[in-house]
């Protein structure tokens, strides 16, 4: 479940967690597995991604009461678990075991799954560090940009997927800085 862990000042004036006052504030149903919790883009609710007996689901919980406001199934596979959520203004992206999921909406009107791209589609193009990529969504296309190798130079790559999740464009950009011979200090 979700627990509240208050912080208190100790006699030395250091603020630290007060485990004695920790309490359960939201209990998960018995079939909930691998939950992932994030603040919503509008800051009005908590987003709880969980695997349940019914499949993968997103719950929007009201911040004050932790009352369930929205429950959105996004069944993409029996083994799907969200492990990262990136907030971008009016949309957010959840990265699961098998897909990149684009959600739009807000706490008041609800959230909608707008687009799902299978990670296998990205991996087939080339090995990506999807968790390090920058992404954008304009309502029609999902753009994913990443360094080719973040530890070796500045070359970048770009993938574009249409609204149906189909791959439509790939770009690779090589920077001249990476092509220059390495300077030797041994001279």
C-alpha atoms as a PDB file:
ATOM      1  CA  UNK A   1       0.000   0.000   0.000  1.00  0.00           C
ATOM      2  CA  UNK A   2       0.897   3.690   0.199  1.00  0.00           C
ATOM      3  CA  UNK A   3       2.259   4.783   3.544  1.00  0.00           C
ATOM      4  CA  UNK A   4       2.610   8.258   5.080  1.00  0.00           C
ATOM      5  CA  UNK A   5       6.031   8.780   6.651  1.00  0.00           C
ATOM      6  CA  UNK A   6       6.201  12.067   8.564  1.00  0.00           C
ATOM      7  CA  UNK A   7       9.438  13.930   9.219  1.00  0.00           C
ATOM      8  CA  UNK A   8      10.316  15.422  12.617  1.00  0.00           C
ATOM      9  CA  UNK A   9      13.185  17.400  14.107  1.00  0.00           C
ATOM     10  CA  UNK A  10      15.382  15.366  16.466  1.00  0.00           C
ATOM     11  CA  UNK A  11      17.051  16.840  19.622  1.00  0.00           C
ATOM     12  CA  UNK A  12      20.140  17.796  17.566  1.00  0.00           C
ATOM     13  CA  UNK A  13      17.989  19.888  15.224  1.00  0.00           C
ATOM     14  CA  UNK A  14      18.237  17.445  12.300  1.00  0.00           C
ATOM     15  CA  UNK A  15      15.047  16.697  10.373  1.00  0.00           C
ATOM     16  CA  UNK A  16      14.621  12.963   9.851  1.00  0.00           C
ATOM     17  CA  UNK A  17      11.849  10.439   9.151  1.00  0.00           C
ATOM     18  CA  UNK A  18       9.757   9.440  12.161  1.00  0.00           C
ATOM     19  CA  UNK A  19       9.143   5.722  11.535  1.00  0.00           C
ATOM     20  CA  UNK A  20       7.109   5.375  14.743  1.00  0.00           C
ATOM     21  CA  UNK A  21       4.393   7.606  13.246  1.00  0.00           C
ATOM     22  CA  UNK A  22       4.318   5.922   9.816  1.00  0.00           C
ATOM     23  CA  UNK A  23       0.830   4.783   8.831  1.00  0.00           C
ATOM     24  CA  UNK A  24      -0.912   3.096   5.932  1.00  0.00           C
ATOM     25  CA  UNK A  25      -3.022   5.643   4.016  1.00  0.00           C
ATOM     26  CA  UNK A  26      -4.029   3.628   0.936  1.00  0.00           C
ATOM     27  CA  UNK A  27      -4.272  -0.155   0.863  1.00  0.00           C
ATOM     28  CA  UNK A  28      -3.817  -1.994  -2.413  1.00  0.00           C
ATOM     29  CA  UNK A  29      -6.252  -4.705  -3.392  1.00  0.00           C
ATOM     30  CA  UNK A  30      -4.758  -8.189  -2.859  1.00  0.00           C
ATOM     31  CA  UNK A  31      -4.239  -8.789  -6.599  1.00  0.00           C
ATOM     32  CA  UNK A  32      -2.228  -5.555  -7.221  1.00  0.00           C
ATOM     33  CA  UNK A  33       1.360  -6.182  -8.263  1.00  0.00           C
ATOM     34  CA  UNK A  34       4.374  -4.036  -9.213  1.00  0.00           C
ATOM     35  CA  UNK A  35       2.833  -0.630  -8.522  1.00  0.00           C
ATOM     36  CA  UNK A  36       4.476   2.571  -9.802  1.00  0.00           C
ATOM     37  CA  UNK A  37       3.449   5.908  -8.319  1.00  0.00           C
ATOM     38  CA  UNK A  38       3.890   9.394  -9.823  1.00  0.00           C
ATOM     39  CA  UNK A  39       2.399  12.876  -9.447  1.00  0.00           C
ATOM     40  CA  UNK A  40       0.066  13.840 -12.329  1.00  0.00           C
ATOM     41  CA  UNK A  41       1.206  16.576 -14.765  1.00  0.00           C
ATOM     42  CA  UNK A  42      -1.372  19.015 -13.319  1.00  0.00           C
ATOM     43  CA  UNK A  43      -0.206  18.245  -9.758  1.00  0.00           C
ATOM     44  CA  UNK A  44      -3.794  17.476  -8.693  1.00  0.00           C
ATOM     45  CA  UNK A  45      -3.600  13.695  -8.287  1.00  0.00           C
ATOM     46  CA  UNK A  46      -1.333  10.712  -7.837  1.00  0.00           C
ATOM     47  CA  UNK A  47      -1.011   8.304 -10.750  1.00  0.00           C
ATOM     48  CA  UNK A  48      -0.812   4.682  -9.674  1.00  0.00           C
ATOM     49  CA  UNK A  49       0.141   2.170 -12.352  1.00  0.00           C
ATOM     50  CA  UNK A  50      -0.490  -1.395 -11.286  1.00  0.00           C
ATOM     51  CA  UNK A  51      -0.807  -4.903 -12.608  1.00  0.00           C
ATOM     52  CA  UNK A  52      -4.029  -6.503 -11.355  1.00  0.00           C
ATOM     53  CA  UNK A  53      -5.966  -9.675 -12.005  1.00  0.00           C
ATOM     54  CA  UNK A  54      -7.812  -7.689 -14.705  1.00  0.00           C
ATOM     55  CA  UNK A  55      -4.585  -6.591 -16.455  1.00  0.00           C
ATOM     56  CA  UNK A  56      -2.577  -3.358 -16.384  1.00  0.00           C
ATOM     57  CA  UNK A  57      -4.453  -0.336 -15.005  1.00  0.00           C
ATOM     58  CA  UNK A  58      -3.888   3.329 -14.222  1.00  0.00           C
ATOM     59  CA  UNK A  59      -5.567   4.788 -11.148  1.00  0.00           C
ATOM     60  CA  UNK A  60      -5.819   8.533 -10.505  1.00  0.00           C
ATOM     61  CA  UNK A  61      -5.991   9.172  -6.747  1.00  0.00           C
ATOM     62  CA  UNK A  62      -7.110  12.514  -5.278  1.00  0.00           C
ATOM     63  CA  UNK A  63      -4.192  14.021  -3.351  1.00  0.00           C
ATOM     64  CA  UNK A  64      -5.936  14.864  -0.077  1.00  0.00           C
ATOM     65  CA  UNK A  65      -8.245  11.896   0.458  1.00  0.00           C
ATOM     66  CA  UNK A  66      -6.535   9.322  -1.833  1.00  0.00           C
ATOM     67  CA  UNK A  67     -10.000   8.549  -3.190  1.00  0.00           C
ATOM     68  CA  UNK A  68      -9.908   6.777  -6.565  1.00  0.00           C
ATOM     69  CA  UNK A  69     -11.026   9.336  -9.163  1.00  0.00           C
ATOM     70  CA  UNK A  70     -10.313   7.392 -12.362  1.00  0.00           C
ATOM     71  CA  UNK A  71      -9.502   3.810 -13.228  1.00  0.00           C
ATOM     72  CA  UNK A  72      -8.206   3.254 -16.752  1.00  0.00           C
ATOM     73  CA  UNK A  73      -7.307  -0.199 -18.093  1.00  0.00           C
ATOM     74  CA  UNK A  74      -4.506  -0.303 -20.647  1.00  0.00           C
ATOM     75  CA  UNK A  75      -4.088  -4.007 -21.239  1.00  0.00           C
ATOM     76  CA  UNK A  76      -1.000  -4.530 -23.298  1.00  0.00           C
ATOM     77  CA  UNK A  77       0.043  -7.904 -22.063  1.00  0.00           C
ATOM     78  CA  UNK A  78      -0.104 -10.084 -19.018  1.00  0.00           C
ATOM     79  CA  UNK A  79       3.457  -9.211 -17.980  1.00  0.00           C
ATOM     80  CA  UNK A  80       3.251  -5.420 -18.478  1.00  0.00           C
ATOM     81  CA  UNK A  81       4.557  -3.310 -15.592  1.00  0.00           C
ATOM     82  CA  UNK A  82       5.293   0.428 -15.722  1.00  0.00           C
ATOM     83  CA  UNK A  83       8.797   1.318 -14.517  1.00  0.00           C
ATOM     84  CA  UNK A  84       9.121   4.989 -15.511  1.00  0.00           C
ATOM     85  CA  UNK A  85       6.777   7.967 -15.962  1.00  0.00           C
ATOM     86  CA  UNK A  86       7.899  11.196 -17.633  1.00  0.00           C
ATOM     87  CA  UNK A  87       5.669  14.268 -17.256  1.00  0.00           C
ATOM     88  CA  UNK A  88       5.432  16.714 -20.179  1.00  0.00           C
ATOM     89  CA  UNK A  89       3.029  19.634 -19.693  1.00  0.00           C
ATOM     90  CA  UNK A  90      -0.299  18.431 -21.101  1.00  0.00           C
ATOM     91  CA  UNK A  91       0.618  14.750 -21.529  1.00  0.00           C
ATOM     92  CA  UNK A  92       2.695  12.109 -19.835  1.00  0.00           C
ATOM     93  CA  UNK A  93       4.560   9.053 -21.039  1.00  0.00           C
ATOM     94  CA  UNK A  94       4.694   5.771 -19.184  1.00  0.00           C
ATOM     95  CA  UNK A  95       7.385   3.278 -20.128  1.00  0.00           C
ATOM     96  CA  UNK A  96       6.433  -0.308 -19.408  1.00  0.00           C
ATOM     97  CA  UNK A  97       8.083  -3.673 -19.952  1.00  0.00           C
ATOM     98  CA  UNK A  98       6.689  -3.853 -23.466  1.00  0.00           C
ATOM     99  CA  UNK A  99       5.426  -0.419 -24.594  1.00  0.00           C
ATOM    100  CA  UNK A 100       5.783   3.358 -24.530  1.00  0.00           C
ATOM    101  CA  UNK A 101       2.337   4.694 -23.543  1.00  0.00           C
ATOM    102  CA  UNK A 102       1.191   8.282 -24.156  1.00  0.00           C
ATOM    103  CA  UNK A 103      -1.610   9.566 -21.910  1.00  0.00           C
ATOM    104  CA  UNK A 104      -3.423  12.908 -22.218  1.00  0.00           C
ATOM    105  CA  UNK A 105      -6.041  14.638 -20.092  1.00  0.00           C
ATOM    106  CA  UNK A 106      -6.116  15.972 -16.552  1.00  0.00           C
ATOM    107  CA  UNK A 107      -7.429  15.098 -13.122  1.00  0.00           C
ATOM    108  CA  UNK A 108     -10.773  16.863 -13.674  1.00  0.00           C
ATOM    109  CA  UNK A 109     -11.736  15.359 -17.032  1.00  0.00           C
ATOM    110  CA  UNK A 110      -9.830  12.101 -16.728  1.00  0.00           C
ATOM    111  CA  UNK A 111      -6.853  10.611 -18.501  1.00  0.00           C
ATOM    112  CA  UNK A 112      -6.885   8.805 -21.845  1.00  0.00           C
ATOM    113  CA  UNK A 113      -4.431   6.404 -23.436  1.00  0.00           C
ATOM    114  CA  UNK A 114      -3.756   8.147 -26.767  1.00  0.00           C
ATOM    115  CA  UNK A 115      -0.935   6.111 -28.232  1.00  0.00           C
ATOM    116  CA  UNK A 116       0.981   2.910 -27.545  1.00  0.00           C
ATOM    117  CA  UNK A 117       4.251   2.033 -29.264  1.00  0.00           C
ATOM    118  CA  UNK A 118       5.672  -1.439 -28.807  1.00  0.00           C
ATOM    119  CA  UNK A 119       9.248  -1.395 -27.516  1.00  0.00           C
ATOM    120  CA  UNK A 120      10.059  -4.245 -29.908  1.00  0.00           C
ATOM    121  CA  UNK A 121       9.400  -1.811 -32.777  1.00  0.00           C
ATOM    122  CA  UNK A 122      12.018   0.542 -31.343  1.00  0.00           C
ATOM    123  CA  UNK A 123      14.518  -2.228 -30.566  1.00  0.00           C
ATOM    124  CA  UNK A 124      14.219  -3.587 -34.122  1.00  0.00           C
ATOM    125  CA  UNK A 125      15.338  -0.240 -35.536  1.00  0.00           C
ATOM    126  CA  UNK A 126      18.399  -0.195 -33.288  1.00  0.00           C
ATOM    127  CA  UNK A 127      19.245  -0.692 -29.634  1.00  0.00           C
ATOM    128  CA  UNK A 128      17.929   2.309 -27.688  1.00  0.00           C
ATOM    129  CA  UNK A 129      18.273   3.458 -24.124  1.00  0.00           C
ATOM    130  CA  UNK A 130      14.596   4.349 -24.084  1.00  0.00           C
ATOM    131  CA  UNK A 131      14.691   5.451 -20.443  1.00  0.00           C
ATOM    132  CA  UNK A 132      17.244   8.172 -21.373  1.00  0.00           C
ATOM    133  CA  UNK A 133      15.406   9.452 -24.451  1.00  0.00           C
ATOM    134  CA  UNK A 134      13.600  12.783 -24.837  1.00  0.00           C
ATOM    135  CA  UNK A 135      10.059  12.519 -26.210  1.00  0.00           C
ATOM    136  CA  UNK A 136       7.351  14.815 -27.513  1.00  0.00           C
ATOM    137  CA  UNK A 137       3.765  14.279 -28.618  1.00  0.00           C
ATOM    138  CA  UNK A 138       1.747  16.796 -30.653  1.00  0.00           C
ATOM    139  CA  UNK A 139      -1.549  14.892 -30.727  1.00  0.00           C
ATOM    140  CA  UNK A 140      -0.632  13.246 -34.029  1.00  0.00           C
ATOM    141  CA  UNK A 141       2.960  12.000 -33.710  1.00  0.00           C
ATOM    142  CA  UNK A 142       5.266  10.710 -31.014  1.00  0.00           C
ATOM    143  CA  UNK A 143       8.890  11.787 -31.473  1.00  0.00           C
ATOM    144  CA  UNK A 144      11.682  10.021 -29.604  1.00  0.00           C
ATOM    145  CA  UNK A 145      15.201  11.492 -29.656  1.00  0.00           C
ATOM    146  CA  UNK A 146      18.285   9.968 -28.088  1.00  0.00           C
ATOM    147  CA  UNK A 147      22.041  10.071 -28.208  1.00  0.00           C
ATOM    148  CA  UNK A 148      23.377   7.188 -30.274  1.00  0.00           C
ATOM    149  CA  UNK A 149      25.737   6.350 -27.442  1.00  0.00           C
ATOM    150  CA  UNK A 150      25.559   8.810 -24.543  1.00  0.00           C
ATOM    151  CA  UNK A 151      29.083   7.887 -23.466  1.00  0.00           C
ATOM    152  CA  UNK A 152      30.728   8.160 -26.885  1.00  0.00           C
ATOM    153  CA  UNK A 153      30.228  11.475 -28.660  1.00  0.00           C
ATOM    154  CA  UNK A 154      27.290  13.618 -29.696  1.00  0.00           C
ATOM    155  CA  UNK A 155      25.650  11.645 -32.525  1.00  0.00           C
ATOM    156  CA  UNK A 156      21.862  11.585 -32.148  1.00  0.00           C
ATOM    157  CA  UNK A 157      18.929   9.597 -33.500  1.00  0.00           C
ATOM    158  CA  UNK A 158      15.305  10.411 -34.018  1.00  0.00           C
ATOM    159  CA  UNK A 159      12.266   8.157 -34.414  1.00  0.00           C
ATOM    160  CA  UNK A 160       8.745   9.288 -35.301  1.00  0.00           C
ATOM    161  CA  UNK A 161       5.569   7.242 -34.817  1.00  0.00           C
ATOM    162  CA  UNK A 162       2.126   8.203 -36.119  1.00  0.00           C
ATOM    163  CA  UNK A 163      -1.100   8.327 -34.094  1.00  0.00           C
ATOM    164  CA  UNK A 164      -1.711   4.598 -34.642  1.00  0.00           C
ATOM    165  CA  UNK A 165       1.726   3.731 -33.218  1.00  0.00           C
ATOM    166  CA  UNK A 166       3.244   2.874 -36.603  1.00  0.00           C
ATOM    167  CA  UNK A 167       6.890   3.744 -37.245  1.00  0.00           C
ATOM    168  CA  UNK A 168       7.106   6.468 -39.957  1.00  0.00           C
ATOM    169  CA  UNK A 169      10.562   8.101 -39.809  1.00  0.00           C
ATOM    170  CA  UNK A 170      14.096   7.467 -38.621  1.00  0.00           C
ATOM    171  CA  UNK A 171      16.929   9.973 -38.654  1.00  0.00           C
ATOM    172  CA  UNK A 172      20.545   9.665 -37.602  1.00  0.00           C
ATOM    173  CA  UNK A 173      22.658  12.743 -37.183  1.00  0.00           C
ATOM    174  CA  UNK A 174      26.434  12.566 -37.001  1.00  0.00           C
ATOM    175  CA  UNK A 175      28.307  15.522 -35.591  1.00  0.00           C
ATOM    176  CA  UNK A 176      31.637  16.524 -37.121  1.00  0.00           C
ATOM    177  CA  UNK A 177      33.141  16.786 -33.653  1.00  0.00           C
ATOM    178  CA  UNK A 178      32.966  12.997 -33.431  1.00  0.00           C
ATOM    179  CA  UNK A 179      34.836  12.629 -36.747  1.00  0.00           C
ATOM    180  CA  UNK A 180      37.857  14.760 -35.781  1.00  0.00           C
ATOM    181  CA  UNK A 181      41.006  12.839 -34.875  1.00  0.00           C
ATOM    182  CA  UNK A 182      41.729  12.742 -31.174  1.00  0.00           C
ATOM    183  CA  UNK A 183      44.296  15.270 -30.005  1.00  0.00           C
ATOM    184  CA  UNK A 184      47.406  13.741 -28.521  1.00  0.00           C
ATOM    185  CA  UNK A 185      48.983  15.382 -25.459  1.00  0.00           C
ATOM    186  CA  UNK A 186      52.017  13.079 -25.703  1.00  0.00           C
ATOM    187  CA  UNK A 187      53.922  15.386 -28.105  1.00  0.00           C
END
